[in-house]
Amino acid sequence: MSRKMSTTKLVLGGALVAGAFGVFGGVAAASPNDYRAGMKDLVPQANQWVADVTMTADAALTKPELGCGAEMAELVLRGESIAADLVGTGANAPRALATAHGQMARSVARMTDAARAACGNPAGAVGMIAAEQAGYSASMLRINVFVTRAYASGR
């Protein structure tokens, strides 16, 4: 009985430790000010990229060569860079914004994939970009409020 009780305590103790890592392992330890500072410049860049990739993909519907051109290739590179920056900045995201930040990063990555596929399938690219914009916009709204509120208050 004693051995069974010890095994049970060991299993329960291990489960509690594992649960603690599962719950707290993904929480960023950086200050909200680090996140605000990182996002202050990234937010306008990301928003401009979304506008540019949307406009270029839409134009590729009537001029399919734009989906294979240098401008779309440059947008793919910018999108990859912004997505990577978002992943890195996400390490500093406050817990309340972690989900929104992750959604924003995933949306940029998916829009980048759509831009990459625009050569030969501009309609598919437009559809994917449009589908991802809803998640991106909702996430950006939450993040932008957090970032701009801090700067408006002088923090």
Protein backbone atom coordinates (compact mmCIF):
# COMPACT_ATOMS: atom_id res chain seq x y z
CA MET A 1 0.00 0.00 0.00
CA SER A 2 2.84 2.37 0.88
CA ARG A 3 4.52 1.79 -2.46
CA LYS A 4 1.23 2.31 -4.30
CA MET A 5 0.68 5.57 -2.43
CA SER A 6 4.21 6.77 -3.26
CA THR A 7 3.69 5.94 -6.92
CA THR A 8 0.40 7.80 -6.92
CA LYS A 9 2.02 10.85 -5.30
CA LEU A 10 4.85 10.70 -7.82
CA VAL A 11 2.45 10.53 -10.76
CA LEU A 12 0.29 13.34 -9.38
CA GLY A 13 3.35 15.45 -8.62
CA GLY A 14 4.66 14.87 -12.14
CA ALA A 15 1.29 15.79 -13.61
CA LEU A 16 1.20 19.02 -11.62
CA VAL A 17 4.69 19.97 -12.78
CA ALA A 18 3.85 19.09 -16.39
CA GLY A 19 0.62 21.05 -16.12
CA ALA A 20 2.45 24.07 -14.79
CA PHE A 21 4.82 23.99 -17.76
CA GLY A 22 1.88 23.57 -20.11
CA VAL A 23 0.02 26.51 -18.63
CA PHE A 24 2.90 28.86 -17.93
CA GLY A 25 5.49 27.69 -20.45
CA GLY A 26 4.22 29.94 -23.25
CA VAL A 27 3.82 33.11 -21.23
CA ALA A 28 6.20 35.87 -22.16
CA ALA A 29 8.27 37.32 -19.35
CA ALA A 30 9.14 40.60 -21.05
CA SER A 31 7.48 43.83 -20.05
CA PRO A 32 4.53 45.25 -22.00
CA ASN A 33 6.72 48.25 -22.81
CA ASP A 34 9.10 45.99 -24.77
CA TYR A 35 6.16 44.74 -26.78
CA ARG A 36 4.81 48.24 -27.41
CA ALA A 37 8.22 49.44 -28.58
CA GLY A 38 8.62 46.50 -30.93
CA MET A 39 5.15 46.83 -32.38
CA LYS A 40 5.21 50.61 -32.74
CA ASP A 41 7.20 50.40 -35.99
CA LEU A 42 6.02 46.94 -37.07
CA VAL A 43 2.29 47.75 -37.07
CA PRO A 44 2.45 50.38 -39.85
CA GLN A 45 4.82 48.21 -41.91
CA ALA A 46 2.51 45.22 -41.64
CA ASN A 47 -0.55 47.29 -42.49
CA GLN A 48 1.15 48.78 -45.54
CA TRP A 49 2.25 45.33 -46.69
CA VAL A 50 -1.31 43.99 -46.41
CA ALA A 51 -2.57 46.92 -48.49
CA ASP A 52 0.17 46.42 -51.09
CA VAL A 53 -0.26 42.65 -51.40
CA THR A 54 -4.05 43.04 -51.65
CA MET A 55 -3.77 45.69 -54.37
CA THR A 56 -1.20 43.72 -56.36
CA ALA A 57 -3.15 40.46 -56.14
CA ASP A 58 -6.35 42.25 -57.19
CA ALA A 59 -4.53 43.78 -60.16
CA ALA A 60 -3.25 40.33 -61.14
CA LEU A 61 -6.84 39.29 -61.80
CA THR A 62 -6.90 41.54 -64.87
CA LYS A 63 -3.17 41.38 -65.63
CA PRO A 64 -2.07 37.85 -64.63
CA GLU A 65 1.59 38.63 -65.39
CA LEU A 66 1.62 40.78 -62.23
CA GLY A 67 1.25 37.61 -60.18
CA CYS A 68 4.56 36.40 -61.61
CA GLY A 69 6.35 39.76 -61.64
CA ALA A 70 9.09 41.36 -59.62
CA GLU A 71 6.65 43.37 -57.48
CA MET A 72 4.87 40.21 -56.27
CA ALA A 73 8.22 38.51 -55.65
CA GLU A 74 9.30 41.50 -53.54
CA LEU A 75 5.99 41.37 -51.64
CA VAL A 76 6.60 37.69 -50.87
CA LEU A 77 10.03 38.53 -49.43
CA ARG A 78 8.58 41.40 -47.39
CA GLY A 79 5.77 39.16 -46.16
CA GLU A 80 8.24 36.49 -45.03
CA SER A 81 10.26 39.13 -43.19
CA ILE A 82 7.19 40.64 -41.50
CA ALA A 83 5.89 37.21 -40.50
CA ALA A 84 9.29 36.36 -38.97
CA ASP A 85 9.35 39.71 -37.14
CA LEU A 86 5.87 39.03 -35.80
CA VAL A 87 6.90 35.61 -34.54
CA GLY A 88 9.89 37.14 -32.78
CA THR A 89 7.92 40.05 -31.35
CA GLY A 90 5.28 37.60 -30.15
CA ALA A 91 7.72 36.40 -27.50
CA ASN A 92 7.15 39.77 -25.79
CA ALA A 93 3.37 39.84 -26.23
CA PRO A 94 1.39 40.37 -23.05
CA ARG A 95 -0.73 37.36 -22.15
CA ALA A 96 -3.93 39.24 -23.05
CA LEU A 97 -2.64 39.81 -26.61
CA ALA A 98 -0.86 36.50 -27.21
CA THR A 99 -3.76 34.93 -29.12
CA ALA A 100 -4.35 38.04 -31.24
CA HIS A 101 -0.64 38.33 -31.95
CA GLY A 102 -0.42 34.68 -33.00
CA GLN A 103 -3.43 35.11 -35.30
CA MET A 104 -1.85 38.16 -36.87
CA ALA A 105 1.42 36.31 -37.52
CA ARG A 106 -0.43 33.31 -39.01
CA SER A 107 -2.52 35.57 -41.25
CA VAL A 108 0.56 37.33 -42.61
CA ALA A 109 2.26 33.97 -43.25
CA ARG A 110 -0.83 32.66 -45.09
CA MET A 111 -1.18 35.85 -47.15
CA THR A 112 2.50 35.46 -48.03
CA ASP A 113 1.84 31.90 -49.19
CA ALA A 114 -1.07 33.17 -51.27
CA ALA A 115 1.12 35.86 -52.85
CA ARG A 116 3.71 33.20 -53.68
CA ALA A 117 0.99 31.16 -55.41
CA ALA A 118 -0.39 34.14 -57.36
CA CYS A 119 1.68 33.22 -60.40
CA GLY A 120 -0.74 31.04 -62.30
CA ASN A 121 -3.58 31.36 -59.79
CA PRO A 122 -4.36 35.01 -59.11
CA ALA A 123 -8.00 34.27 -58.23
CA GLY A 124 -6.89 31.76 -55.60
CA ALA A 125 -4.44 34.29 -54.19
CA VAL A 126 -7.11 36.98 -53.98
CA GLY A 127 -9.48 34.56 -52.25
CA MET A 128 -6.89 33.47 -49.68
CA ILE A 129 -5.76 37.02 -48.97
CA ALA A 130 -9.37 38.15 -48.50
CA ALA A 131 -10.09 35.20 -46.20
CA GLU A 132 -7.09 36.02 -44.01
CA GLN A 133 -7.79 39.74 -43.81
CA ALA A 134 -10.67 39.27 -41.35
CA GLY A 135 -8.45 37.54 -38.79
CA TYR A 136 -5.62 39.94 -39.44
CA SER A 137 -7.83 43.02 -39.05
CA ALA A 138 -9.46 41.84 -35.83
CA SER A 139 -6.07 41.03 -34.32
CA MET A 140 -4.52 44.25 -35.54
CA LEU A 141 -7.33 46.27 -33.99
CA ARG A 142 -6.66 44.80 -30.53
CA ILE A 143 -2.91 45.19 -30.85
CA ASN A 144 -3.11 48.71 -32.29
CA VAL A 145 -5.35 49.88 -29.43
CA PHE A 146 -2.82 48.53 -26.93
CA VAL A 147 0.15 50.15 -28.70
CA THR A 148 -1.42 53.53 -29.45
CA ARG A 149 -3.08 53.89 -26.06
CA ALA A 150 0.29 53.59 -24.37
CA TYR A 151 1.90 56.20 -26.60
CA ALA A 152 -1.06 58.56 -26.30
CA SER A 153 -0.77 58.40 -22.52
CA GLY A 154 2.98 58.98 -22.65
CA ARG A 155 3.99 55.51 -21.42
